[in-house]
Amino acid sequence: MMIDEENRLISILIGKISQKVEGYLEGYIAMIVVREDFRGKGIGKILVERFKKDVLKEGCYWIALETEKVNVGALRLYESLGFFRELLYKNYY
């Protein structure tokens, strides 16, 4: 989470760590939101990098996330951070 100088929310990442049946830990990013007037400033990247660092330190094997295929900005962000497309869910959203 990030706040501005007036104590207003700028951005937030909601994620978790899950124990998978196979025994490994998996990080999951459920949502990233950046206030519209702060987009394009690298804040989403900072949030994902922090989350990645924290969950890998906890022993996560990998990090999963989902986004709509039309969300080109999010896809570009995730790919620039080393994520790759693995599945396409039809009628997911």
PDB file of N, CA and C in Angstrom:
ATOM      1  N   MET A   1       0.847  -1.168   0.000  1.00  0.00           N
ATOM      2  CA  MET A   1       0.000   0.000   0.000  1.00  0.00           C
ATOM      3  C   MET A   1       0.897   1.237   0.000  1.00  0.00           C
ATOM      4  N   MET A   2       0.460   2.247  -0.727  1.00  0.00           N
ATOM      5  CA  MET A   2       1.171   3.519  -0.744  1.00  0.00           C
ATOM      6  C   MET A   2       0.156   4.632  -0.510  1.00  0.00           C
ATOM      7  N   ILE A   3       0.589   5.652   0.228  1.00  0.00           N
ATOM      8  CA  ILE A   3      -0.273   6.812   0.469  1.00  0.00           C
ATOM      9  C   ILE A   3       0.474   8.073   0.054  1.00  0.00           C
ATOM     10  N   ASP A   4      -0.288   9.131  -0.249  1.00  0.00           N
ATOM     11  CA  ASP A   4       0.345  10.390  -0.635  1.00  0.00           C
ATOM     12  C   ASP A   4       0.602  11.253   0.601  1.00  0.00           C
ATOM     13  N   GLU A   5       1.132  12.439   0.367  1.00  0.00           N
ATOM     14  CA  GLU A   5       1.493  13.338   1.470  1.00  0.00           C
ATOM     15  C   GLU A   5       0.285  13.817   2.268  1.00  0.00           C
ATOM     16  N   GLU A   6      -0.902  13.683   1.701  1.00  0.00           N
ATOM     17  CA  GLU A   6      -2.131  14.066   2.409  1.00  0.00           C
ATOM     18  C   GLU A   6      -2.817  12.857   3.039  1.00  0.00           C
ATOM     19  N   ASN A   7      -2.082  11.750   3.122  1.00  0.00           N
ATOM     20  CA  ASN A   7      -2.564  10.519   3.750  1.00  0.00           C
ATOM     21  C   ASN A   7      -3.715   9.863   2.990  1.00  0.00           C
ATOM     22  N   ARG A   8      -3.753  10.070   1.673  1.00  0.00           N
ATOM     23  CA  ARG A   8      -4.763   9.428   0.828  1.00  0.00           C
ATOM     24  C   ARG A   8      -4.138   8.229   0.126  1.00  0.00           C
ATOM     25  N   LEU A   9      -4.937   7.211  -0.041  1.00  0.00           N
ATOM     26  CA  LEU A   9      -4.465   5.988  -0.687  1.00  0.00           C
ATOM     27  C   LEU A   9      -4.101   6.251  -2.152  1.00  0.00           C
ATOM     28  N   ILE A  10      -2.905   5.829  -2.551  1.00  0.00           N
ATOM     29  CA  ILE A  10      -2.448   5.932  -3.933  1.00  0.00           C
ATOM     30  C   ILE A  10      -2.584   4.581  -4.619  1.00  0.00           C
ATOM     31  N   SER A  11      -2.171   3.534  -3.906  1.00  0.00           N
ATOM     32  CA  SER A  11      -2.146   2.215  -4.529  1.00  0.00           C
ATOM     33  C   SER A  11      -2.191   1.125  -3.465  1.00  0.00           C
ATOM     34  N   ILE A  12      -2.579  -0.067  -3.942  1.00  0.00           N
ATOM     35  CA  ILE A  12      -2.617  -1.216  -3.048  1.00  0.00           C
ATOM     36  C   ILE A  12      -2.453  -2.491  -3.868  1.00  0.00           C
ATOM     37  N   LEU A  13      -1.772  -3.464  -3.283  1.00  0.00           N
ATOM     38  CA  LEU A  13      -1.674  -4.797  -3.851  1.00  0.00           C
ATOM     39  C   LEU A  13      -2.257  -5.741  -2.813  1.00  0.00           C
ATOM     40  N   ILE A  14      -3.181  -6.575  -3.234  1.00  0.00           N
ATOM     41  CA  ILE A  14      -3.766  -7.579  -2.354  1.00  0.00           C
ATOM     42  C   ILE A  14      -3.276  -8.931  -2.838  1.00  0.00           C
ATOM     43  N   GLY A  15      -2.630  -9.657  -1.949  1.00  0.00           N
ATOM     44  CA  GLY A  15      -2.076 -10.952  -2.302  1.00  0.00           C
ATOM     45  C   GLY A  15      -2.040 -11.871  -1.102  1.00  0.00           C
ATOM     46  N   LYS A  16      -1.622 -13.091  -1.340  1.00  0.00           N
ATOM     47  CA  LYS A  16      -1.558 -14.066  -0.250  1.00  0.00           C
ATOM     48  C   LYS A  16      -0.533 -15.142  -0.581  1.00  0.00           C
ATOM     49  N   ILE A  17      -0.245 -15.951   0.439  1.00  0.00           N
ATOM     50  CA  ILE A  17       0.578 -17.143   0.279  1.00  0.00           C
ATOM     51  C   ILE A  17      -0.308 -18.332   0.625  1.00  0.00           C
ATOM     52  N   SER A  18      -0.297 -19.354  -0.235  1.00  0.00           N
ATOM     53  CA  SER A  18      -1.092 -20.561  -0.006  1.00  0.00           C
ATOM     54  C   SER A  18      -0.196 -21.784   0.009  1.00  0.00           C
ATOM     55  N   GLN A  19      -0.555 -22.734   0.851  1.00  0.00           N
ATOM     56  CA  GLN A  19       0.108 -24.042   0.858  1.00  0.00           C
ATOM     57  C   GLN A  19      -0.632 -24.908  -0.150  1.00  0.00           C
ATOM     58  N   LYS A  20       0.039 -25.373  -1.161  1.00  0.00           N
ATOM     59  CA  LYS A  20      -0.587 -26.208  -2.180  1.00  0.00           C
ATOM     60  C   LYS A  20      -0.599 -27.669  -1.729  1.00  0.00           C
ATOM     61  N   VAL A  21      -1.513 -28.438  -2.289  1.00  0.00           N
ATOM     62  CA  VAL A  21      -1.646 -29.860  -1.952  1.00  0.00           C
ATOM     63  C   VAL A  21      -0.331 -30.593  -2.158  1.00  0.00           C
ATOM     64  N   GLU A  22       0.395 -30.205  -3.183  1.00  0.00           N
ATOM     65  CA  GLU A  22       1.666 -30.860  -3.509  1.00  0.00           C
ATOM     66  C   GLU A  22       2.757 -30.539  -2.487  1.00  0.00           C
ATOM     67  N   GLY A  23       2.479 -29.620  -1.571  1.00  0.00           N
ATOM     68  CA  GLY A  23       3.422 -29.320  -0.502  1.00  0.00           C
ATOM     69  C   GLY A  23       4.177 -28.015  -0.624  1.00  0.00           C
ATOM     70  N   TYR A  24       4.193 -27.406  -1.783  1.00  0.00           N
ATOM     71  CA  TYR A  24       4.942 -26.164  -1.942  1.00  0.00           C
ATOM     72  C   TYR A  24       4.063 -24.950  -1.619  1.00  0.00           C
ATOM     73  N   LEU A  25       4.726 -23.819  -1.393  1.00  0.00           N
ATOM     74  CA  LEU A  25       4.022 -22.559  -1.159  1.00  0.00           C
ATOM     75  C   LEU A  25       3.906 -21.800  -2.470  1.00  0.00           C
ATOM     76  N   GLU A  26       2.782 -21.127  -2.651  1.00  0.00           N
ATOM     77  CA  GLU A  26       2.548 -20.329  -3.856  1.00  0.00           C
ATOM     78  C   GLU A  26       2.068 -18.946  -3.447  1.00  0.00           C
ATOM     79  N   GLY A  27       2.684 -17.924  -4.020  1.00  0.00           N
ATOM     80  CA  GLY A  27       2.193 -16.564  -3.859  1.00  0.00           C
ATOM     81  C   GLY A  27       1.093 -16.316  -4.879  1.00  0.00           C
ATOM     82  N   TYR A  28       0.152 -15.479  -4.523  1.00  0.00           N
ATOM     83  CA  TYR A  28      -0.942 -15.162  -5.446  1.00  0.00           C
ATOM     84  C   TYR A  28      -1.260 -13.678  -5.338  1.00  0.00           C
ATOM     85  N   ILE A  29      -1.268 -13.003  -6.469  1.00  0.00           N
ATOM     86  CA  ILE A  29      -1.665 -11.594  -6.532  1.00  0.00           C
ATOM     87  C   ILE A  29      -3.114 -11.544  -6.968  1.00  0.00           C
ATOM     88  N   ALA A  30      -3.981 -11.090  -6.065  1.00  0.00           N
ATOM     89  CA  ALA A  30      -5.404 -11.026  -6.353  1.00  0.00           C
ATOM     90  C   ALA A  30      -5.781  -9.712  -7.042  1.00  0.00           C
ATOM     91  N   MET A  31      -5.112  -8.630  -6.665  1.00  0.00           N
ATOM     92  CA  MET A  31      -5.505  -7.326  -7.209  1.00  0.00           C
ATOM     93  C   MET A  31      -4.395  -6.302  -7.007  1.00  0.00           C
ATOM     94  N   ILE A  32      -4.227  -5.462  -8.001  1.00  0.00           N
ATOM     95  CA  ILE A  32      -3.357  -4.287  -7.890  1.00  0.00           C
ATOM     96  C   ILE A  32      -4.187  -3.103  -8.360  1.00  0.00           C
ATOM     97  N   VAL A  33      -4.222  -2.071  -7.554  1.00  0.00           N
ATOM     98  CA  VAL A  33      -4.950  -0.865  -7.927  1.00  0.00           C
ATOM     99  C   VAL A  33      -4.031   0.334  -7.713  1.00  0.00           C
ATOM    100  N   VAL A  34      -3.930   1.176  -8.730  1.00  0.00           N
ATOM    101  CA  VAL A  34      -3.184   2.426  -8.630  1.00  0.00           C
ATOM    102  C   VAL A  34      -4.149   3.540  -9.015  1.00  0.00           C
ATOM    103  N   ARG A  35      -4.234   4.535  -8.146  1.00  0.00           N
ATOM    104  CA  ARG A  35      -5.123   5.674  -8.415  1.00  0.00           C
ATOM    105  C   ARG A  35      -4.791   6.264  -9.789  1.00  0.00           C
ATOM    106  N   GLU A  36      -5.814   6.601 -10.528  1.00  0.00           N
ATOM    107  CA  GLU A  36      -5.654   7.005 -11.927  1.00  0.00           C
ATOM    108  C   GLU A  36      -4.626   8.120 -12.117  1.00  0.00           C
ATOM    109  N   ASP A  37      -4.608   9.108 -11.234  1.00  0.00           N
ATOM    110  CA  ASP A  37      -3.683  10.228 -11.406  1.00  0.00           C
ATOM    111  C   ASP A  37      -2.238   9.866 -11.044  1.00  0.00           C
ATOM    112  N   PHE A  38      -1.994   8.642 -10.603  1.00  0.00           N
ATOM    113  CA  PHE A  38      -0.638   8.183 -10.297  1.00  0.00           C
ATOM    114  C   PHE A  38      -0.175   7.070 -11.228  1.00  0.00           C
ATOM    115  N   ARG A  39      -0.995   6.688 -12.189  1.00  0.00           N
ATOM    116  CA  ARG A  39      -0.609   5.620 -13.114  1.00  0.00           C
ATOM    117  C   ARG A  39       0.504   6.088 -14.043  1.00  0.00           C
ATOM    118  N   GLY A  40       1.299   5.127 -14.504  1.00  0.00           N
ATOM    119  CA  GLY A  40       2.392   5.443 -15.417  1.00  0.00           C
ATOM    120  C   GLY A  40       3.648   5.939 -14.731  1.00  0.00           C
ATOM    121  N   LYS A  41       3.693   5.866 -13.408  1.00  0.00           N
ATOM    122  CA  LYS A  41       4.847   6.349 -12.647  1.00  0.00           C
ATOM    123  C   LYS A  41       5.666   5.205 -12.035  1.00  0.00           C
ATOM    124  N   GLY A  42       5.346   3.961 -12.410  1.00  0.00           N
ATOM    125  CA  GLY A  42       6.108   2.820 -11.909  1.00  0.00           C
ATOM    126  C   GLY A  42       5.652   2.292 -10.555  1.00  0.00           C
ATOM    127  N   ILE A  43       4.529   2.767 -10.058  1.00  0.00           N
ATOM    128  CA  ILE A  43       4.057   2.348  -8.738  1.00  0.00           C
ATOM    129  C   ILE A  43       3.623   0.886  -8.740  1.00  0.00           C
ATOM    130  N   GLY A  44       2.925   0.450  -9.778  1.00  0.00           N
ATOM    131  CA  GLY A  44       2.525  -0.951  -9.875  1.00  0.00           C
ATOM    132  C   GLY A  44       3.743  -1.858  -9.861  1.00  0.00           C
ATOM    133  N   LYS A  45       4.775  -1.468 -10.571  1.00  0.00           N
ATOM    134  CA  LYS A  45       6.012  -2.248 -10.617  1.00  0.00           C
ATOM    135  C   LYS A  45       6.640  -2.355  -9.231  1.00  0.00           C
ATOM    136  N   ILE A  46       6.674  -1.259  -8.506  1.00  0.00           N
ATOM    137  CA  ILE A  46       7.230  -1.264  -7.148  1.00  0.00           C
ATOM    138  C   ILE A  46       6.439  -2.220  -6.253  1.00  0.00           C
ATOM    139  N   LEU A  47       5.110  -2.154  -6.333  1.00  0.00           N
ATOM    140  CA  LEU A  47       4.283  -3.034  -5.504  1.00  0.00           C
ATOM    141  C   LEU A  47       4.532  -4.505  -5.812  1.00  0.00           C
ATOM    142  N   VAL A  48       4.581  -4.854  -7.091  1.00  0.00           N
ATOM    143  CA  VAL A  48       4.799  -6.251  -7.476  1.00  0.00           C
ATOM    144  C   VAL A  48       6.195  -6.699  -7.051  1.00  0.00           C
ATOM    145  N   GLU A  49       7.197  -5.857  -7.234  1.00  0.00           N
ATOM    146  CA  GLU A  49       8.558  -6.226  -6.833  1.00  0.00           C
ATOM    147  C   GLU A  49       8.649  -6.450  -5.325  1.00  0.00           C
ATOM    148  N   ARG A  50       7.981  -5.611  -4.535  1.00  0.00           N
ATOM    149  CA  ARG A  50       7.963  -5.803  -3.076  1.00  0.00           C
ATOM    150  C   ARG A  50       7.299  -7.125  -2.714  1.00  0.00           C
ATOM    151  N   PHE A  51       6.147  -7.390  -3.321  1.00  0.00           N
ATOM    152  CA  PHE A  51       5.414  -8.625  -3.040  1.00  0.00           C
ATOM    153  C   PHE A  51       6.265  -9.833  -3.418  1.00  0.00           C
ATOM    154  N   LYS A  52       6.863  -9.764  -4.607  1.00  0.00           N
ATOM    155  CA  LYS A  52       7.704 -10.851  -5.096  1.00  0.00           C
ATOM    156  C   LYS A  52       8.839 -11.140  -4.109  1.00  0.00           C
ATOM    157  N   LYS A  53       9.509 -10.105  -3.671  1.00  0.00           N
ATOM    158  CA  LYS A  53      10.610 -10.246  -2.725  1.00  0.00           C
ATOM    159  C   LYS A  53      10.122 -10.886  -1.421  1.00  0.00           C
ATOM    160  N   ASP A  54       9.005 -10.408  -0.898  1.00  0.00           N
ATOM    161  CA  ASP A  54       8.482 -10.907   0.373  1.00  0.00           C
ATOM    162  C   ASP A  54       8.063 -12.372   0.298  1.00  0.00           C
ATOM    163  N   VAL A  55       7.337 -12.751  -0.747  1.00  0.00           N
ATOM    164  CA  VAL A  55       6.850 -14.137  -0.806  1.00  0.00           C
ATOM    165  C   VAL A  55       7.968 -15.117  -1.150  1.00  0.00           C
ATOM    166  N   LEU A  56       8.935 -14.699  -1.950  1.00  0.00           N
ATOM    167  CA  LEU A  56      10.067 -15.577  -2.240  1.00  0.00           C
ATOM    168  C   LEU A  56      10.903 -15.792  -0.979  1.00  0.00           C
ATOM    169  N   LYS A  57      11.025 -14.754  -0.167  1.00  0.00           N
ATOM    170  CA  LYS A  57      11.738 -14.872   1.106  1.00  0.00           C
ATOM    171  C   LYS A  57      11.028 -15.867   2.040  1.00  0.00           C
ATOM    172  N   GLU A  58       9.719 -15.957   1.920  1.00  0.00           N
ATOM    173  CA  GLU A  58       8.936 -16.894   2.736  1.00  0.00           C
ATOM    174  C   GLU A  58       8.987 -18.324   2.197  1.00  0.00           C
ATOM    175  N   GLY A  59       9.612 -18.501   1.031  1.00  0.00           N
ATOM    176  CA  GLY A  59       9.791 -19.843   0.493  1.00  0.00           C
ATOM    177  C   GLY A  59       8.808 -20.239  -0.592  1.00  0.00           C
ATOM    178  N   CYS A  60       8.130 -19.263  -1.190  1.00  0.00           N
ATOM    179  CA  CYS A  60       7.187 -19.588  -2.265  1.00  0.00           C
ATOM    180  C   CYS A  60       7.924 -20.117  -3.480  1.00  0.00           C
ATOM    181  N   TYR A  61       7.332 -21.103  -4.088  1.00  0.00           N
ATOM    182  CA  TYR A  61       7.890 -21.735  -5.281  1.00  0.00           C
ATOM    183  C   TYR A  61       7.649 -20.863  -6.509  1.00  0.00           C
ATOM    184  N   TRP A  62       6.477 -20.242  -6.572  1.00  0.00           N
ATOM    185  CA  TRP A  62       6.167 -19.326  -7.659  1.00  0.00           C
ATOM    186  C   TRP A  62       5.058 -18.375  -7.247  1.00  0.00           C
ATOM    187  N   ILE A  63       4.734 -17.444  -8.133  1.00  0.00           N
ATOM    188  CA  ILE A  63       3.671 -16.469  -7.904  1.00  0.00           C
ATOM    189  C   ILE A  63       2.713 -16.543  -9.082  1.00  0.00           C
ATOM    190  N   ALA A  64       1.436 -16.644  -8.779  1.00  0.00           N
ATOM    191  CA  ALA A  64       0.401 -16.690  -9.810  1.00  0.00           C
ATOM    192  C   ALA A  64      -0.440 -15.414  -9.748  1.00  0.00           C
ATOM    193  N   LEU A  65      -1.047 -15.087 -10.857  1.00  0.00           N
ATOM    194  CA  LEU A  65      -1.982 -13.970 -10.933  1.00  0.00           C
ATOM    195  C   LEU A  65      -2.842 -14.156 -12.164  1.00  0.00           C
ATOM    196  N   GLU A  66      -3.891 -13.359 -12.252  1.00  0.00           N
ATOM    197  CA  GLU A  66      -4.781 -13.401 -13.412  1.00  0.00           C
ATOM    198  C   GLU A  66      -5.146 -11.978 -13.807  1.00  0.00           C
ATOM    199  N   THR A  67      -5.351 -11.790 -15.089  1.00  0.00           N
ATOM    200  CA  THR A  67      -5.856 -10.510 -15.578  1.00  0.00           C
ATOM    201  C   THR A  67      -6.625 -10.757 -16.865  1.00  0.00           C
ATOM    202  N   GLU A  68      -7.462  -9.809 -17.199  1.00  0.00           N
ATOM    203  CA  GLU A  68      -8.191  -9.924 -18.456  1.00  0.00           C
ATOM    204  C   GLU A  68      -7.220  -9.751 -19.614  1.00  0.00           C
ATOM    205  N   LYS A  69      -7.457 -10.489 -20.697  1.00  0.00           N
ATOM    206  CA  LYS A  69      -6.539 -10.425 -21.831  1.00  0.00           C
ATOM    207  C   LYS A  69      -6.576  -9.064 -22.525  1.00  0.00           C
ATOM    208  N   VAL A  70      -7.603  -8.275 -22.279  1.00  0.00           N
ATOM    209  CA  VAL A  70      -7.672  -6.935 -22.881  1.00  0.00           C
ATOM    210  C   VAL A  70      -6.948  -5.885 -22.041  1.00  0.00           C
ATOM    211  N   ASN A  71      -6.476  -6.264 -20.859  1.00  0.00           N
ATOM    212  CA  ASN A  71      -5.765  -5.324 -19.989  1.00  0.00           C
ATOM    213  C   ASN A  71      -4.289  -5.291 -20.391  1.00  0.00           C
ATOM    214  N   VAL A  72      -4.043  -4.619 -21.485  1.00  0.00           N
ATOM    215  CA  VAL A  72      -2.711  -4.594 -22.103  1.00  0.00           C
ATOM    216  C   VAL A  72      -1.672  -3.999 -21.159  1.00  0.00           C
ATOM    217  N   GLY A  73      -2.028  -2.964 -20.423  1.00  0.00           N
ATOM    218  CA  GLY A  73      -1.080  -2.349 -19.488  1.00  0.00           C
ATOM    219  C   GLY A  73      -0.623  -3.329 -18.423  1.00  0.00           C
ATOM    220  N   ALA A  74      -1.559  -4.069 -17.860  1.00  0.00           N
ATOM    221  CA  ALA A  74      -1.218  -5.058 -16.831  1.00  0.00           C
ATOM    222  C   ALA A  74      -0.372  -6.181 -17.423  1.00  0.00           C
ATOM    223  N   LEU A  75      -0.742  -6.656 -18.598  1.00  0.00           N
ATOM    224  CA  LEU A  75       0.029  -7.723 -19.243  1.00  0.00           C
ATOM    225  C   LEU A  75       1.467  -7.279 -19.494  1.00  0.00           C
ATOM    226  N   ARG A  76       1.640  -6.057 -19.963  1.00  0.00           N
ATOM    227  CA  ARG A  76       2.991  -5.523 -20.201  1.00  0.00           C
ATOM    228  C   ARG A  76       3.790  -5.441 -18.900  1.00  0.00           C
ATOM    229  N   LEU A  77       3.121  -4.954 -17.835  1.00  0.00           N
ATOM    230  CA  LEU A  77       3.778  -4.847 -16.539  1.00  0.00           C
ATOM    231  C   LEU A  77       4.244  -6.215 -16.062  1.00  0.00           C
ATOM    232  N   TYR A  78       3.340  -7.179 -16.051  1.00  0.00           N
ATOM    233  CA  TYR A  78       3.677  -8.511 -15.538  1.00  0.00           C
ATOM    234  C   TYR A  78       4.777  -9.171 -16.368  1.00  0.00           C
ATOM    235  N   GLU A  79       4.695  -9.055 -17.679  1.00  0.00           N
ATOM    236  CA  GLU A  79       5.731  -9.648 -18.535  1.00  0.00           C
ATOM    237  C   GLU A  79       7.086  -8.970 -18.312  1.00  0.00           C
ATOM    238  N   SER A  80       7.085  -7.663 -18.078  1.00  0.00           N
ATOM    239  CA  SER A  80       8.351  -6.963 -17.831  1.00  0.00           C
ATOM    240  C   SER A  80       8.983  -7.389 -16.514  1.00  0.00           C
ATOM    241  N   LEU A  81       8.175  -7.958 -15.614  1.00  0.00           N
ATOM    242  CA  LEU A  81       8.661  -8.416 -14.312  1.00  0.00           C
ATOM    243  C   LEU A  81       8.941  -9.917 -14.290  1.00  0.00           C
ATOM    244  N   GLY A  82       8.898 -10.563 -15.456  1.00  0.00           N
ATOM    245  CA  GLY A  82       9.266 -11.961 -15.547  1.00  0.00           C
ATOM    246  C   GLY A  82       8.111 -12.947 -15.502  1.00  0.00           C
ATOM    247  N   PHE A  83       6.891 -12.455 -15.432  1.00  0.00           N
ATOM    248  CA  PHE A  83       5.739 -13.357 -15.478  1.00  0.00           C
ATOM    249  C   PHE A  83       5.501 -13.785 -16.917  1.00  0.00           C
ATOM    250  N   PHE A  84       4.866 -14.932 -17.094  1.00  0.00           N
ATOM    251  CA  PHE A  84       4.548 -15.398 -18.435  1.00  0.00           C
ATOM    252  C   PHE A  84       3.129 -15.938 -18.460  1.00  0.00           C
ATOM    253  N   ARG A  85       2.562 -15.936 -19.658  1.00  0.00           N
ATOM    254  CA  ARG A  85       1.193 -16.425 -19.839  1.00  0.00           C
ATOM    255  C   ARG A  85       1.211 -17.943 -19.901  1.00  0.00           C
ATOM    256  N   GLU A  86       0.406 -18.540 -19.027  1.00  0.00           N
ATOM    257  CA  GLU A  86       0.377 -19.988 -18.979  1.00  0.00           C
ATOM    258  C   GLU A  86      -0.971 -20.546 -19.405  1.00  0.00           C
ATOM    259  N   LEU A  87      -2.047 -19.915 -18.979  1.00  0.00           N
ATOM    260  CA  LEU A  87      -3.393 -20.403 -19.270  1.00  0.00           C
ATOM    261  C   LEU A  87      -4.277 -19.277 -19.777  1.00  0.00           C
ATOM    262  N   LEU A  88      -5.273 -19.635 -20.547  1.00  0.00           N
ATOM    263  CA  LEU A  88      -6.301 -18.697 -20.959  1.00  0.00           C
ATOM    264  C   LEU A  88      -7.642 -19.292 -20.537  1.00  0.00           C
ATOM    265  N   TYR A  89      -8.298 -18.644 -19.588  1.00  0.00           N
ATOM    266  CA  TYR A  89      -9.610 -19.096 -19.143  1.00  0.00           C
ATOM    267  C   TYR A  89     -10.670 -18.472 -20.035  1.00  0.00           C
ATOM    268  N   LYS A  90     -11.465 -19.271 -20.670  1.00  0.00           N
ATOM    269  CA  LYS A  90     -12.564 -18.754 -21.493  1.00  0.00           C
ATOM    270  C   LYS A  90     -13.711 -18.378 -20.559  1.00  0.00           C
ATOM    271  N   ASN A  91     -14.292 -17.204 -20.780  1.00  0.00           N
ATOM    272  CA  ASN A  91     -15.425 -16.711 -19.995  1.00  0.00           C
ATOM    273  C   ASN A  91     -15.113 -16.591 -18.510  1.00  0.00           C
ATOM    274  N   TYR A  92     -13.866 -16.271 -18.157  1.00  0.00           N
ATOM    275  CA  TYR A  92     -13.482 -16.144 -16.752  1.00  0.00           C
ATOM    276  C   TYR A  92     -14.061 -14.879 -16.130  1.00  0.00           C
ATOM    277  N   TYR A  93     -13.928 -13.754 -16.832  1.00  0.00           N
ATOM    278  CA  TYR A  93     -14.424 -12.483 -16.306  1.00  0.00           C
ATOM    279  C   TYR A  93     -15.755 -12.151 -16.939  1.00  0.00           C
TER     280      TYR A  93
END
